[in-house]
Amino acid sequence: MCGISLIIHGVRFDLSSLLINSTFPVPKSEQQLVFTIADLRAALRRRGPDSLGSWKLLLHSTVSSCLPEREIASSIEEVKEESCSEDERNCFSLANGRTESHSSTMPSSAAELHFFGASLQLRGISPIVQPLIDSSKNILVYNGEIFGGIDIGGEENDGEVLLQLLGECRCCSPYLHKTNNFDGMGEGSVPDILSKIKGPWAIIYWQESSKTLWFGRDAFGRRSLLVHWPTVADSRFLLSSVSPVSSDFEAENGTTKLSFWEELPCGIYSISIGAPKLDGLFLGEVKKHEWTNAILEELIKWERTSVEPKPEELHISSSKTLTRKHDSHSVNSDALPSKSGPMQASNSVLAQTVLMALKESVMRRSSLHTIFQAGRHDMENELVPVAVLFSGGLDSMIIAALLHECLDPSYYIDLLNVSFDGRSAPDRISAKAGLNELRRIAPSRKWKLVEIDADLPTLTFETKHVMSLINPANTYMDLNIGIALWLAAGGNGWVYEENSNYNDEDRQCIKYKSKARILLVGSGADEQCAGYGRHRTKYRNGSWLALHEEMKLDMQRIWKRNLGRDDRCIADNGKEARFPFLDEDVIRILLGIPLWEVTNLDQPSGVGDKKILREVAELLGLSEAAALPKRAIQFGSRIARESNRKNYGSNRAANQASAGSAVIHKQLDMA
């Protein structure tokens, strides 16, 4: 996992193909987000504490004796952190249309691409420093994990393998004199390589041979990548994993006055650089490319073949649900004939299919051969390589139980639980019950429930910091979720004696900080299995088709509403979030199951919603977790209640003001 960024100067961009005003829209305010190179480095370093590198690519035009048009020459130079003090004193803002940070040594007809890469290295046997550069001057900054689609050896770093594959790609640019009709797509192209990857990724890649910049994020947006498109007031083009804390950051309430950043929509983009024209600026033509993987395209469309059941199918499904609570607690025993007969066996087949897909997903995300160990002398003593964001609810219990089956038994598993109401928060209560159930099905595993307690009114600095992390998200709900995730991922809490009774007031506890660098998160389960209250509302108002369309909408906007924000808040602690429910194979298998077997919202909460996952939990022996209702982190941790009291005086006043979706300090829009 990495923090990556790019800043481009000296290029006039053509954005017409993206339906963005190519003449650069005038922003609402002439004030710009002000930050320094030091600010950017600090934000990236928190995501990638192992190493931080920076390189500049300089482009300038030359005249060829053989060709009538100008050509582009390039050079690269490493920017050492200790040698950039002058740059760090210069703010990245614009005044009167001139970039203050523009290098004084850069010719007026030159362009500059400044690459940054900070690494939390989890793959390979040798340390790496990004940006990665090959002998052809191709430059890669990569934030992702390749879990499939491209072969990665157990001792290889996936970023290095990806750079090699991209370096072999054929090139295409509208500004090059080509001798073939290759259009940059199809087999052997950059989009073809990226479309093969199974796993989360965000990428910035300079292809030297075609003078083309490629960038993008995976089809579901599991890794953050923010973009600042050029405007009249600010002609820079910027990409970054995270927004730096700027000097425009409102001192009192932690908000910014501008919407400087946008979440980059999922997909693969390119900027082909052309030689300068009369205005002395290089021309950059921006395009968005299609995925070349047909299976991936089907997942993006998120169409289910079986949406509306026939009456007899729904009756059979309901009967199976009523008889699913049996005394089996393992996959193997449930596969045998049971008292419930053929219907139960059929039901078991679907649940086992999902269970096997989820187990493979967790295995890919926790396999120790994919965790970088070179140079980490504490690894033998650090017995917690992977942790779980843990509420004790259905999704996190399934992940924890599967992680136990996938991880070597000598390792501890940290269960990270955050509460804003001490022992009384619903998520703390369910986490303790969940720990007892995990100890029952896996008594040999060493579990650590890390209790992370917080008092919202005292988190003034932390709230401001998280406000910068969730940017461009700007609602109280985003902030509440962001704070809870940020604190949980930090892993700084208390653990209790392994055999202590949670009802014992005299139980012994010790201060503890989780050192796990990988955090498994249950995101995607509710969207795919109808876990939200709005799903039940849509079903009641419009039946199965309306439910399907709402779930489809949730999956197709999860990159914008959830995943970018969550990635930034978790990664800020030097932890990598991994999402087992958003594995490509898990998504494909869930889509292949009839909707009425995935969920049945005619039945009560805790029974029919996320029905298929409740059956999976029972196969794992988690009978208590299988009956738990859905509870979002902001409510289960009680941060929403505390936020409502702080900002609105009471829960009732907050509900009347629709506080959850309210924009934070909306009056600042008038600034």
Foldseek 3Di string as FASTA:
>chain_A
DFKKKKKKPQAQEQCVQVVDPSQFADDPDLWDFKAAPVLQQLLRCLLFVPAKWKKKKKWAWDDDPVDPDIDIDIDMDTDDPVNCPVRRVFIQFFDPQDGRSPDPPHDNLMMMMMIMMGHLAFFAADDDYDQDADPLRKTKHKDWDFLDLDDDDLRGGVVVVLVVLQLQADDDFPQDDDPDDDPQDDPRHPLASVLRGFTWMWMWIQHVVQRKIKTFIALQQLAWKKWADAHSSRRMTMIILFFGDGPQQDPPAQAHLDQRIATDHGFMKMWGWHRDDPVSGIYTYIDTDDHPDPLSVCLLQLAFPFFDDDPVVLVLLVVLLVPLPDDAAALVVQCDADPVGPSVNVLSVLLVVLLVLLLSLLLSQDPNSGGHDHPPPCVVVQQEQEEEAALLALQRLSSVLSNCVRDDQSGEYEHFYEAAPPCPFQSNVSRVVSVVQSCVLPVSHHYWYFYQYDHVVVCRVVLSVLNRLLPVDFAPLLSLVLSRLLSRLQQWGKTWDRPDDPVDPPTDIDTDTRPHQEYEYAPPLCLLQVQDPVLLVQCVVPNRVSSSVSSSVCSNCCSRPPNSSSQSSNSSNNHGYGHSCPGSVSSVSSSHDNNQSQFDSVDDFQRGGRPSSLSNCSNNNNPVSSRDGDDDSSRSSVVVQSVCCVPPVGPVRCVVVVRNGDGPPVVSNVD
